[in-house]
């Protein structure tokens, strides 16, 4: 009985230690970025920062500053407000594009993710920290830009009013309004914006 208890204790300790090691394992994603002070594109790797896992992309990776590797493999910090454009590709080969907010909003609020850029509309996502920084908890605000009248609609997809706002914007297109009722994720809105661009 003592041997079984000892074996179980060793197994549990080893399992917990490996879990802890995995939790603090650093994961790097390929990144390309252009600084505001340069026209050169820097290609390197960025340290992904996630609250629960580093395997999935988190905006905490670049908010305020990001950690990248220099040509010698040394970690360096790059402040968010010094970046003009950036592309990050995660381990699932999903590429995310970011641009400085100033040309869109006429004020410098850091980077915004380019969710969609079309002929009639553009969709941007601004991520920010909510709560203490050490939690890496982030929230998003989405913005729909309509090129014709240069209007910008601020959306909070987690709030009930977002669907109403979208339907109001596309009320001249009953087919699109019907699709808005069924939005589940980002791909659904991209599909609607692409169809709108074709009208």
N, C-alpha and C. Protein backbone atom coordinates (compact mmCIF):
# COMPACT_ATOMS: atom_id res chain seq x y z
N UNK A 1 0.82 -1.20 0.00
CA UNK A 1 0.00 0.00 0.00
C UNK A 1 0.86 1.26 0.00
N UNK A 2 1.95 1.19 0.77
CA UNK A 2 2.84 2.35 0.83
C UNK A 2 3.48 2.61 -0.53
N UNK A 3 3.79 1.51 -1.26
CA UNK A 3 4.42 1.65 -2.58
C UNK A 3 3.46 2.32 -3.56
N UNK A 4 2.20 1.92 -3.49
CA UNK A 4 1.19 2.50 -4.38
C UNK A 4 1.00 3.98 -4.08
N UNK A 5 0.94 4.32 -2.78
CA UNK A 5 0.79 5.72 -2.38
C UNK A 5 2.00 6.54 -2.84
N UNK A 6 3.18 5.97 -2.70
CA UNK A 6 4.40 6.66 -3.12
C UNK A 6 4.42 6.87 -4.63
N UNK A 7 4.03 5.83 -5.38
CA UNK A 7 3.98 5.94 -6.84
C UNK A 7 2.98 6.99 -7.29
N UNK A 8 1.81 6.99 -6.65
CA UNK A 8 0.79 7.99 -6.99
C UNK A 8 1.27 9.41 -6.67
N UNK A 9 1.96 9.57 -5.55
CA UNK A 9 2.49 10.88 -5.16
C UNK A 9 3.52 11.38 -6.18
N UNK A 10 4.41 10.49 -6.60
CA UNK A 10 5.43 10.84 -7.59
C UNK A 10 4.78 11.21 -8.92
N UNK A 11 3.77 10.41 -9.32
CA UNK A 11 3.07 10.67 -10.58
C UNK A 11 2.37 12.03 -10.54
N UNK A 12 1.65 12.31 -9.45
CA UNK A 12 0.93 13.59 -9.31
C UNK A 12 1.89 14.77 -9.31
N UNK A 13 3.00 14.62 -8.60
CA UNK A 13 4.00 15.70 -8.55
C UNK A 13 4.56 15.96 -9.95
N UNK A 14 4.89 14.88 -10.65
CA UNK A 14 5.43 15.02 -12.01
C UNK A 14 4.42 15.67 -12.95
N UNK A 15 3.16 15.27 -12.82
CA UNK A 15 2.10 15.84 -13.67
C UNK A 15 1.93 17.33 -13.39
N UNK A 16 1.85 17.71 -12.13
CA UNK A 16 1.68 19.12 -11.77
C UNK A 16 2.87 19.96 -12.22
N UNK A 17 4.06 19.41 -12.08
CA UNK A 17 5.26 20.14 -12.49
C UNK A 17 5.28 20.36 -14.00
N UNK A 18 4.87 19.32 -14.75
CA UNK A 18 4.86 19.46 -16.22
C UNK A 18 3.81 20.47 -16.65
N UNK A 19 2.65 20.51 -15.94
CA UNK A 19 1.61 21.49 -16.25
C UNK A 19 2.11 22.91 -16.00
N UNK A 20 2.81 23.09 -14.88
CA UNK A 20 3.34 24.41 -14.54
C UNK A 20 4.38 24.84 -15.56
N UNK A 21 5.21 23.88 -15.99
CA UNK A 21 6.25 24.18 -16.97
C UNK A 21 5.62 24.61 -18.29
N UNK A 22 4.53 23.89 -18.67
CA UNK A 22 3.84 24.21 -19.92
C UNK A 22 3.18 25.58 -19.84
N UNK A 23 2.65 25.93 -18.65
CA UNK A 23 2.00 27.22 -18.46
C UNK A 23 2.96 28.39 -18.71
N UNK A 24 4.22 28.22 -18.32
CA UNK A 24 5.20 29.29 -18.46
C UNK A 24 6.08 29.12 -19.70
N UNK A 25 5.74 28.17 -20.56
CA UNK A 25 6.49 27.96 -21.79
C UNK A 25 6.26 29.14 -22.73
N UNK A 26 7.32 29.74 -23.22
CA UNK A 26 7.18 30.90 -24.11
C UNK A 26 6.89 30.44 -25.53
N UNK A 27 5.89 31.07 -26.13
CA UNK A 27 5.49 30.75 -27.50
C UNK A 27 5.67 32.01 -28.35
N UNK A 28 6.33 31.85 -29.49
CA UNK A 28 6.59 32.97 -30.38
C UNK A 28 5.83 32.78 -31.69
N UNK A 29 5.25 33.88 -32.19
CA UNK A 29 4.56 33.87 -33.47
C UNK A 29 5.37 34.69 -34.47
N UNK A 30 5.34 34.31 -35.75
CA UNK A 30 5.99 35.15 -36.77
C UNK A 30 5.31 36.52 -36.83
N UNK A 31 6.11 37.57 -36.97
CA UNK A 31 5.57 38.93 -37.04
C UNK A 31 6.33 39.75 -38.07
N UNK A 32 5.60 40.63 -38.75
CA UNK A 32 6.20 41.63 -39.64
C UNK A 32 5.68 42.97 -39.18
N UNK A 33 6.56 43.95 -39.04
CA UNK A 33 6.08 45.27 -38.63
C UNK A 33 6.94 46.38 -39.24
N UNK A 34 6.30 47.54 -39.34
CA UNK A 34 6.97 48.75 -39.84
C UNK A 34 6.83 49.81 -38.77
N UNK A 35 7.96 50.40 -38.39
CA UNK A 35 7.94 51.46 -37.38
C UNK A 35 7.57 52.79 -38.03
N UNK A 36 7.01 53.70 -37.26
CA UNK A 36 6.68 55.03 -37.77
C UNK A 36 7.92 55.80 -38.20
N UNK A 37 9.05 55.47 -37.60
CA UNK A 37 10.29 56.18 -37.88
C UNK A 37 11.08 55.57 -39.04
N UNK A 38 10.50 54.56 -39.72
CA UNK A 38 11.24 53.86 -40.76
C UNK A 38 10.29 53.33 -41.83
N UNK A 39 10.83 53.05 -43.02
CA UNK A 39 10.03 52.43 -44.08
C UNK A 39 10.37 50.96 -44.21
N UNK A 40 11.36 50.51 -43.45
CA UNK A 40 11.79 49.11 -43.52
C UNK A 40 10.80 48.19 -42.81
N UNK A 41 10.58 47.02 -43.40
CA UNK A 41 9.74 46.00 -42.78
C UNK A 41 10.64 45.05 -41.99
N UNK A 42 10.34 44.91 -40.71
CA UNK A 42 11.11 44.02 -39.84
C UNK A 42 10.37 42.68 -39.77
N UNK A 43 11.08 41.60 -40.08
CA UNK A 43 10.51 40.26 -39.98
C UNK A 43 11.22 39.52 -38.85
N UNK A 44 10.46 39.09 -37.86
CA UNK A 44 11.05 38.39 -36.71
C UNK A 44 9.98 37.55 -36.03
N UNK A 45 10.15 37.32 -34.73
CA UNK A 45 9.16 36.57 -33.95
C UNK A 45 8.77 37.39 -32.74
N UNK A 46 7.47 37.30 -32.37
CA UNK A 46 6.95 38.05 -31.23
C UNK A 46 6.48 37.08 -30.16
N UNK A 47 6.74 37.43 -28.91
CA UNK A 47 6.30 36.61 -27.78
C UNK A 47 4.80 36.80 -27.58
N UNK A 48 4.04 35.71 -27.72
CA UNK A 48 2.60 35.79 -27.50
C UNK A 48 2.33 35.76 -26.00
N UNK A 49 1.44 36.64 -25.55
CA UNK A 49 1.12 36.75 -24.13
C UNK A 49 -0.36 36.44 -23.94
N UNK A 50 -0.65 35.30 -23.34
CA UNK A 50 -2.04 34.92 -23.09
C UNK A 50 -2.26 34.68 -21.62
N UNK A 51 -3.49 34.88 -21.18
CA UNK A 51 -3.79 34.70 -19.76
C UNK A 51 -3.86 33.21 -19.39
N UNK A 52 -4.55 32.42 -20.26
CA UNK A 52 -4.74 31.01 -19.95
C UNK A 52 -3.82 30.11 -20.78
N UNK A 53 -3.53 30.52 -21.99
CA UNK A 53 -2.65 29.73 -22.86
C UNK A 53 -1.90 30.66 -23.80
N UNK A 54 -0.68 30.30 -24.11
CA UNK A 54 0.10 31.08 -25.06
C UNK A 54 -0.06 30.55 -26.47
N UNK A 55 -0.83 29.46 -26.63
CA UNK A 55 -1.00 28.86 -27.95
C UNK A 55 -1.94 29.68 -28.83
N UNK A 56 -2.87 30.42 -28.22
CA UNK A 56 -3.83 31.23 -28.97
C UNK A 56 -3.43 32.69 -28.88
N UNK A 57 -3.62 33.40 -29.97
CA UNK A 57 -3.25 34.82 -30.01
C UNK A 57 -4.05 35.61 -28.98
N UNK A 58 -3.36 36.54 -28.34
CA UNK A 58 -4.00 37.45 -27.40
C UNK A 58 -3.54 38.87 -27.71
N UNK A 59 -4.46 39.86 -27.68
CA UNK A 59 -4.05 41.25 -27.89
C UNK A 59 -3.02 41.73 -26.88
N UNK A 60 -2.96 41.06 -25.71
CA UNK A 60 -1.96 41.44 -24.71
C UNK A 60 -0.54 41.31 -25.26
N UNK A 61 -0.41 40.60 -26.38
CA UNK A 61 0.90 40.42 -27.03
C UNK A 61 1.51 41.76 -27.44
N UNK A 62 0.66 42.70 -27.91
CA UNK A 62 1.19 43.96 -28.43
C UNK A 62 0.72 45.20 -27.67
N UNK A 63 -0.31 45.07 -26.83
CA UNK A 63 -0.82 46.26 -26.13
C UNK A 63 0.26 46.89 -25.27
N UNK A 64 0.42 48.20 -25.45
CA UNK A 64 1.44 49.02 -24.77
C UNK A 64 2.85 48.73 -25.28
N UNK A 65 3.23 47.46 -25.33
CA UNK A 65 4.52 47.10 -25.92
C UNK A 65 4.53 45.61 -26.25
N UNK A 66 5.41 45.23 -27.16
CA UNK A 66 5.55 43.82 -27.48
C UNK A 66 7.01 43.41 -27.35
N UNK A 67 7.22 42.12 -27.11
CA UNK A 67 8.58 41.58 -26.98
C UNK A 67 8.90 40.80 -28.24
N UNK A 68 9.95 41.22 -28.95
CA UNK A 68 10.37 40.55 -30.17
C UNK A 68 11.83 40.11 -30.03
N UNK A 69 12.25 39.26 -30.97
CA UNK A 69 13.64 38.82 -30.99
C UNK A 69 14.43 39.62 -32.01
N UNK A 70 15.61 40.10 -31.60
CA UNK A 70 16.48 40.80 -32.56
C UNK A 70 17.25 39.74 -33.37
N UNK A 71 18.06 40.15 -34.37
CA UNK A 71 18.77 39.17 -35.20
C UNK A 71 19.66 38.20 -34.41
N UNK A 72 20.09 38.60 -33.22
CA UNK A 72 20.94 37.73 -32.40
C UNK A 72 20.11 36.81 -31.49
N UNK A 73 18.78 36.93 -31.55
CA UNK A 73 17.91 36.12 -30.71
C UNK A 73 17.66 36.70 -29.34
N UNK A 74 18.09 37.95 -29.13
CA UNK A 74 17.89 38.61 -27.85
C UNK A 74 16.53 39.29 -27.82
N UNK A 75 15.87 39.26 -26.65
CA UNK A 75 14.55 39.90 -26.50
C UNK A 75 14.69 41.42 -26.45
N UNK A 76 13.87 42.11 -27.23
CA UNK A 76 13.82 43.57 -27.16
C UNK A 76 12.35 44.00 -27.09
N UNK A 77 12.11 45.16 -26.49
CA UNK A 77 10.75 45.68 -26.35
C UNK A 77 10.49 46.72 -27.44
N UNK A 78 9.31 46.63 -28.06
CA UNK A 78 8.90 47.62 -29.06
C UNK A 78 7.59 48.23 -28.59
N UNK A 79 7.55 49.54 -28.28
CA UNK A 79 6.31 50.18 -27.83
C UNK A 79 5.24 50.18 -28.92
N UNK A 80 4.01 49.94 -28.53
CA UNK A 80 2.89 49.90 -29.48
C UNK A 80 2.77 51.20 -30.26
N UNK A 81 2.94 52.34 -29.58
CA UNK A 81 2.73 53.64 -30.25
C UNK A 81 3.84 54.01 -31.23
N UNK A 82 4.86 53.14 -31.38
CA UNK A 82 5.90 53.38 -32.38
C UNK A 82 5.68 52.57 -33.66
N UNK A 83 4.62 51.75 -33.68
CA UNK A 83 4.36 50.86 -34.82
C UNK A 83 3.35 51.48 -35.77
N UNK A 84 3.67 51.46 -37.06
CA UNK A 84 2.76 51.97 -38.09
C UNK A 84 1.87 50.86 -38.64
N UNK A 85 2.47 49.70 -38.87
CA UNK A 85 1.74 48.56 -39.46
C UNK A 85 2.35 47.26 -38.94
N UNK A 86 1.50 46.23 -38.79
CA UNK A 86 2.01 44.96 -38.26
C UNK A 86 1.14 43.80 -38.73
N UNK A 87 1.78 42.66 -38.96
CA UNK A 87 1.08 41.41 -39.26
C UNK A 87 1.61 40.33 -38.32
N UNK A 88 0.70 39.62 -37.67
CA UNK A 88 1.07 38.50 -36.79
C UNK A 88 0.36 37.25 -37.29
N UNK A 89 1.09 36.16 -37.44
CA UNK A 89 0.52 34.88 -37.86
C UNK A 89 0.63 33.90 -36.69
N UNK A 90 -0.52 33.37 -36.25
CA UNK A 90 -0.47 32.47 -35.11
C UNK A 90 -0.14 31.04 -35.54
N UNK A 91 -0.14 30.12 -34.60
CA UNK A 91 0.25 28.74 -34.89
C UNK A 91 -0.78 28.00 -35.74
N UNK A 92 -2.00 28.57 -35.86
CA UNK A 92 -3.02 27.98 -36.72
C UNK A 92 -3.02 28.62 -38.10
N UNK A 93 -1.97 29.39 -38.40
CA UNK A 93 -1.79 30.07 -39.69
C UNK A 93 -2.82 31.16 -39.94
N UNK A 94 -3.42 31.69 -38.88
CA UNK A 94 -4.34 32.82 -39.00
C UNK A 94 -3.52 34.10 -38.95
N UNK A 95 -3.64 34.91 -40.01
CA UNK A 95 -2.88 36.16 -40.08
C UNK A 95 -3.77 37.32 -39.63
N UNK A 96 -3.24 38.12 -38.72
CA UNK A 96 -3.95 39.31 -38.25
C UNK A 96 -3.16 40.54 -38.65
N UNK A 97 -3.88 41.54 -39.18
CA UNK A 97 -3.23 42.78 -39.63
C UNK A 97 -3.63 43.92 -38.73
N UNK A 98 -2.66 44.77 -38.42
CA UNK A 98 -2.89 45.92 -37.55
C UNK A 98 -2.32 47.17 -38.20
N UNK A 99 -2.96 48.29 -37.91
CA UNK A 99 -2.49 49.58 -38.43
C UNK A 99 -2.63 50.63 -37.34
N UNK A 100 -1.87 51.70 -37.47
CA UNK A 100 -2.02 52.77 -36.47
C UNK A 100 -3.39 53.41 -36.62
N UNK A 101 -3.96 53.82 -35.52
CA UNK A 101 -5.34 54.33 -35.50
C UNK A 101 -5.47 55.75 -36.02
N UNK A 102 -4.41 56.53 -35.98
CA UNK A 102 -4.51 57.96 -36.28
C UNK A 102 -5.11 58.27 -37.65
N UNK A 103 -4.71 57.60 -38.75
CA UNK A 103 -5.32 57.92 -40.04
C UNK A 103 -6.83 57.65 -40.09
N UNK A 104 -7.31 56.75 -39.26
CA UNK A 104 -8.74 56.40 -39.25
C UNK A 104 -9.52 57.31 -38.31
N UNK A 105 -9.02 57.49 -37.09
CA UNK A 105 -9.75 58.22 -36.06
C UNK A 105 -9.23 59.64 -35.81
N UNK A 106 -8.22 60.05 -36.54
CA UNK A 106 -7.60 61.38 -36.39
C UNK A 106 -7.02 61.61 -35.00
N UNK A 107 -6.78 60.55 -34.28
CA UNK A 107 -6.07 60.66 -33.00
C UNK A 107 -5.28 59.37 -32.78
N UNK A 108 -4.17 59.51 -32.08
CA UNK A 108 -3.28 58.38 -31.88
C UNK A 108 -3.72 57.57 -30.67
N UNK A 109 -4.33 56.43 -30.92
CA UNK A 109 -4.77 55.56 -29.82
C UNK A 109 -4.10 54.19 -29.93
N UNK A 110 -2.96 54.14 -30.57
CA UNK A 110 -2.25 52.86 -30.71
C UNK A 110 -2.67 52.12 -31.96
N UNK A 111 -2.61 50.80 -31.90
CA UNK A 111 -2.93 49.96 -33.05
C UNK A 111 -4.38 49.51 -33.06
N UNK A 112 -4.92 49.36 -34.27
CA UNK A 112 -6.25 48.78 -34.44
C UNK A 112 -6.11 47.60 -35.39
N UNK A 113 -6.89 46.56 -35.13
CA UNK A 113 -6.85 45.39 -36.01
C UNK A 113 -7.75 45.64 -37.21
N UNK A 114 -7.24 45.36 -38.39
CA UNK A 114 -8.02 45.51 -39.62
C UNK A 114 -8.80 44.22 -39.82
N UNK A 115 -10.09 44.26 -39.50
CA UNK A 115 -10.93 43.08 -39.60
C UNK A 115 -11.43 42.88 -41.03
N UNK A 116 -11.69 44.01 -41.73
CA UNK A 116 -12.16 43.96 -43.12
C UNK A 116 -11.89 45.31 -43.75
N UNK A 117 -11.45 45.28 -44.99
CA UNK A 117 -11.23 46.53 -45.72
C UNK A 117 -11.80 46.35 -47.13
N UNK A 118 -12.91 47.03 -47.39
CA UNK A 118 -13.59 46.85 -48.67
C UNK A 118 -13.81 48.15 -49.40
N UNK A 119 -14.57 48.07 -50.49
CA UNK A 119 -14.83 49.22 -51.35
C UNK A 119 -15.75 50.23 -50.66
N UNK A 120 -16.77 49.73 -49.95
CA UNK A 120 -17.74 50.62 -49.31
C UNK A 120 -17.54 50.76 -47.80
N UNK A 121 -16.95 49.75 -47.19
CA UNK A 121 -16.81 49.76 -45.74
C UNK A 121 -15.44 49.26 -45.29
N UNK A 122 -15.14 49.55 -44.05
CA UNK A 122 -13.97 48.98 -43.38
C UNK A 122 -14.39 48.68 -41.94
N UNK A 123 -13.81 47.63 -41.40
CA UNK A 123 -14.14 47.22 -40.03
C UNK A 123 -12.84 47.12 -39.24
N UNK A 124 -12.79 47.82 -38.12
CA UNK A 124 -11.60 47.84 -37.27
C UNK A 124 -11.96 47.39 -35.86
N UNK A 125 -10.99 46.80 -35.19
CA UNK A 125 -11.18 46.39 -33.80
C UNK A 125 -10.08 46.99 -32.94
N UNK A 126 -10.49 47.69 -31.89
CA UNK A 126 -9.54 48.26 -30.93
C UNK A 126 -9.60 47.43 -29.66
N UNK A 127 -8.45 46.87 -29.28
CA UNK A 127 -8.36 46.10 -28.04
C UNK A 127 -7.71 46.95 -26.96
N UNK A 128 -8.09 46.71 -25.73
CA UNK A 128 -7.52 47.47 -24.61
C UNK A 128 -7.59 46.62 -23.35
N UNK A 129 -6.76 46.96 -22.38
CA UNK A 129 -6.77 46.26 -21.10
C UNK A 129 -7.99 46.66 -20.30
N UNK A 130 -8.59 45.68 -19.63
CA UNK A 130 -9.66 45.99 -18.68
C UNK A 130 -9.27 45.36 -17.35
N UNK A 131 -9.17 46.18 -16.35
CA UNK A 131 -8.73 45.68 -15.05
C UNK A 131 -7.22 45.78 -14.93
N UNK A 132 -6.65 45.19 -13.88
CA UNK A 132 -5.20 45.26 -13.65
C UNK A 132 -4.42 44.64 -14.80
N UNK A 133 -3.30 45.24 -15.16
CA UNK A 133 -2.51 44.80 -16.30
C UNK A 133 -1.97 43.39 -16.11
N UNK A 134 -1.69 43.01 -14.86
CA UNK A 134 -1.09 41.69 -14.64
C UNK A 134 -2.05 40.55 -14.95
N UNK A 135 -3.35 40.83 -15.14
CA UNK A 135 -4.30 39.77 -15.48
C UNK A 135 -4.31 39.52 -16.99
N UNK A 136 -3.80 40.46 -17.78
CA UNK A 136 -3.81 40.36 -19.24
C UNK A 136 -5.23 40.25 -19.79
N UNK A 137 -6.22 40.68 -19.03
CA UNK A 137 -7.60 40.64 -19.50
C UNK A 137 -7.84 41.80 -20.45
N UNK A 138 -8.36 41.49 -21.63
CA UNK A 138 -8.58 42.54 -22.63
C UNK A 138 -10.04 42.55 -23.07
N UNK A 139 -10.45 43.70 -23.58
CA UNK A 139 -11.78 43.86 -24.17
C UNK A 139 -11.62 44.50 -25.54
N UNK A 140 -12.66 44.40 -26.35
CA UNK A 140 -12.62 44.93 -27.71
C UNK A 140 -13.77 45.91 -27.94
N UNK A 141 -13.49 46.91 -28.76
CA UNK A 141 -14.53 47.78 -29.31
C UNK A 141 -14.35 47.74 -30.82
N UNK A 142 -15.45 47.54 -31.54
CA UNK A 142 -15.40 47.46 -32.99
C UNK A 142 -15.94 48.74 -33.61
N UNK A 143 -15.39 49.07 -34.80
CA UNK A 143 -15.79 50.28 -35.51
C UNK A 143 -16.04 49.95 -36.97
N UNK A 144 -17.23 50.34 -37.46
CA UNK A 144 -17.56 50.20 -38.87
C UNK A 144 -17.44 51.57 -39.53
N UNK A 145 -16.61 51.65 -40.55
CA UNK A 145 -16.42 52.89 -41.29
C UNK A 145 -17.11 52.77 -42.63
N UNK A 146 -17.99 53.71 -42.95
CA UNK A 146 -18.67 53.74 -44.25
C UNK A 146 -18.03 54.84 -45.09
N UNK A 147 -17.39 54.43 -46.19
CA UNK A 147 -16.59 55.36 -46.98
C UNK A 147 -17.41 56.48 -47.60
N UNK A 148 -18.65 56.19 -48.02
CA UNK A 148 -19.45 57.19 -48.75
C UNK A 148 -19.69 58.44 -47.91
N UNK A 149 -20.14 58.27 -46.68
CA UNK A 149 -20.41 59.45 -45.83
C UNK A 149 -19.37 59.65 -44.73
N UNK A 150 -18.32 58.80 -44.77
CA UNK A 150 -17.23 58.88 -43.80
C UNK A 150 -17.71 58.74 -42.34
N UNK A 151 -18.83 58.07 -42.16
CA UNK A 151 -19.35 57.87 -40.80
C UNK A 151 -18.69 56.65 -40.16
N UNK A 152 -18.56 56.72 -38.83
CA UNK A 152 -17.99 55.61 -38.07
C UNK A 152 -19.00 55.20 -37.00
N UNK A 153 -19.35 53.92 -37.01
CA UNK A 153 -20.28 53.38 -36.02
C UNK A 153 -19.50 52.54 -35.02
N UNK A 154 -19.62 52.89 -33.74
CA UNK A 154 -18.95 52.14 -32.69
C UNK A 154 -19.86 51.00 -32.23
N UNK A 155 -19.31 49.79 -32.18
CA UNK A 155 -20.10 48.62 -31.82
C UNK A 155 -19.47 47.88 -30.65
N UNK A 156 -20.32 47.35 -29.78
CA UNK A 156 -19.87 46.47 -28.70
C UNK A 156 -20.66 45.17 -28.88
N UNK A 157 -20.04 44.18 -29.53
CA UNK A 157 -20.76 42.97 -29.92
C UNK A 157 -21.32 42.18 -28.75
N UNK A 158 -20.78 42.35 -27.58
CA UNK A 158 -21.28 41.61 -26.42
C UNK A 158 -22.57 42.24 -25.85
N UNK A 159 -22.88 43.44 -26.31
CA UNK A 159 -24.08 44.12 -25.80
C UNK A 159 -25.24 43.93 -26.76
N UNK A 160 -26.47 43.85 -26.25
CA UNK A 160 -27.64 43.59 -27.09
C UNK A 160 -27.88 44.62 -28.19
N UNK A 161 -27.51 45.86 -27.98
CA UNK A 161 -27.79 46.92 -28.95
C UNK A 161 -27.00 46.83 -30.25
N UNK A 162 -25.95 46.02 -30.29
CA UNK A 162 -25.09 45.94 -31.48
C UNK A 162 -25.85 45.45 -32.70
N UNK A 163 -26.70 44.44 -32.54
CA UNK A 163 -27.48 43.90 -33.66
C UNK A 163 -28.42 44.98 -34.19
N UNK A 164 -29.06 45.72 -33.28
CA UNK A 164 -29.96 46.80 -33.69
C UNK A 164 -29.21 47.87 -34.50
N UNK A 165 -28.01 48.23 -34.03
CA UNK A 165 -27.19 49.23 -34.74
C UNK A 165 -26.87 48.77 -36.16
N UNK A 166 -26.48 47.50 -36.29
CA UNK A 166 -26.14 46.97 -37.60
C UNK A 166 -27.37 46.95 -38.53
N UNK A 167 -28.50 46.53 -38.00
CA UNK A 167 -29.72 46.47 -38.81
C UNK A 167 -30.13 47.86 -39.28
N UNK A 168 -29.90 48.84 -38.42
CA UNK A 168 -30.22 50.22 -38.78
C UNK A 168 -29.33 50.70 -39.94
N UNK A 169 -28.06 50.30 -39.91
CA UNK A 169 -27.13 50.70 -40.96
C UNK A 169 -27.47 50.05 -42.30
N UNK A 170 -28.00 48.82 -42.25
CA UNK A 170 -28.28 48.08 -43.49
C UNK A 170 -29.78 47.92 -43.73
N UNK A 171 -30.58 48.87 -43.21
CA UNK A 171 -32.03 48.73 -43.31
C UNK A 171 -32.57 48.80 -44.73
N UNK A 172 -31.79 49.31 -45.67
CA UNK A 172 -32.23 49.35 -47.08
C UNK A 172 -32.02 48.02 -47.79
N UNK A 173 -31.41 47.07 -47.09
CA UNK A 173 -31.10 45.77 -47.69
C UNK A 173 -31.69 44.66 -46.81
N UNK A 174 -32.95 44.26 -47.07
CA UNK A 174 -33.62 43.25 -46.23
C UNK A 174 -32.84 41.92 -46.15
N UNK A 175 -32.18 41.55 -47.23
CA UNK A 175 -31.43 40.28 -47.21
C UNK A 175 -30.27 40.34 -46.21
N UNK A 176 -29.60 41.50 -46.16
CA UNK A 176 -28.49 41.66 -45.21
C UNK A 176 -29.01 41.77 -43.78
N UNK A 177 -30.13 42.48 -43.62
CA UNK A 177 -30.73 42.61 -42.28
C UNK A 177 -31.09 41.24 -41.71
N UNK A 178 -31.60 40.35 -42.57
CA UNK A 178 -31.96 39.00 -42.12
C UNK A 178 -30.71 38.24 -41.69
N UNK A 179 -29.61 38.44 -42.39
CA UNK A 179 -28.36 37.76 -42.05
C UNK A 179 -27.78 38.26 -40.73
N UNK A 180 -28.03 39.53 -40.43
CA UNK A 180 -27.50 40.13 -39.19
C UNK A 180 -28.06 39.41 -37.96
N UNK A 181 -29.32 38.95 -38.07
CA UNK A 181 -29.93 38.22 -36.94
C UNK A 181 -29.16 36.95 -36.59
N UNK A 182 -28.42 36.42 -37.56
CA UNK A 182 -27.74 35.13 -37.37
C UNK A 182 -26.24 35.26 -37.17
N UNK A 183 -25.76 36.46 -36.85
CA UNK A 183 -24.32 36.64 -36.63
C UNK A 183 -23.89 35.88 -35.38
N UNK A 184 -22.89 35.01 -35.55
CA UNK A 184 -22.35 34.25 -34.43
C UNK A 184 -20.91 34.64 -34.17
N UNK A 185 -20.12 34.78 -35.24
CA UNK A 185 -18.72 35.15 -35.06
C UNK A 185 -18.28 36.16 -36.13
N UNK A 186 -16.99 36.50 -36.12
CA UNK A 186 -16.46 37.53 -37.01
C UNK A 186 -16.68 37.21 -38.49
N UNK A 187 -16.58 35.93 -38.85
CA UNK A 187 -16.73 35.54 -40.26
C UNK A 187 -18.10 35.91 -40.81
N UNK A 188 -19.12 35.86 -39.94
CA UNK A 188 -20.48 36.18 -40.38
C UNK A 188 -20.60 37.65 -40.79
N UNK A 189 -19.99 38.54 -40.01
CA UNK A 189 -20.04 39.96 -40.35
C UNK A 189 -19.21 40.25 -41.59
N UNK A 190 -18.06 39.59 -41.73
CA UNK A 190 -17.23 39.77 -42.93
C UNK A 190 -18.04 39.38 -44.17
N UNK A 191 -18.78 38.29 -44.09
CA UNK A 191 -19.62 37.84 -45.22
C UNK A 191 -20.65 38.90 -45.60
N UNK A 192 -21.28 39.51 -44.58
CA UNK A 192 -22.28 40.56 -44.82
C UNK A 192 -21.63 41.77 -45.49
N UNK A 193 -20.46 42.17 -45.00
CA UNK A 193 -19.78 43.34 -45.57
C UNK A 193 -19.34 43.08 -47.01
N UNK A 194 -18.93 41.87 -47.32
CA UNK A 194 -18.55 41.52 -48.70
C UNK A 194 -19.75 41.59 -49.63
N UNK A 195 -20.90 41.08 -49.15
CA UNK A 195 -22.12 41.14 -49.96
C UNK A 195 -22.55 42.60 -50.18
N UNK A 196 -22.40 43.41 -49.14
CA UNK A 196 -22.74 44.84 -49.24
C UNK A 196 -21.85 45.53 -50.27
N UNK A 197 -20.58 45.16 -50.32
CA UNK A 197 -19.66 45.74 -51.29
C UNK A 197 -20.05 45.42 -52.73
N UNK A 198 -20.76 44.34 -52.92
CA UNK A 198 -21.16 43.91 -54.28
C UNK A 198 -22.43 44.60 -54.75
N UNK A 199 -23.12 45.32 -53.88
CA UNK A 199 -24.40 45.95 -54.25
C UNK A 199 -24.20 47.30 -54.91
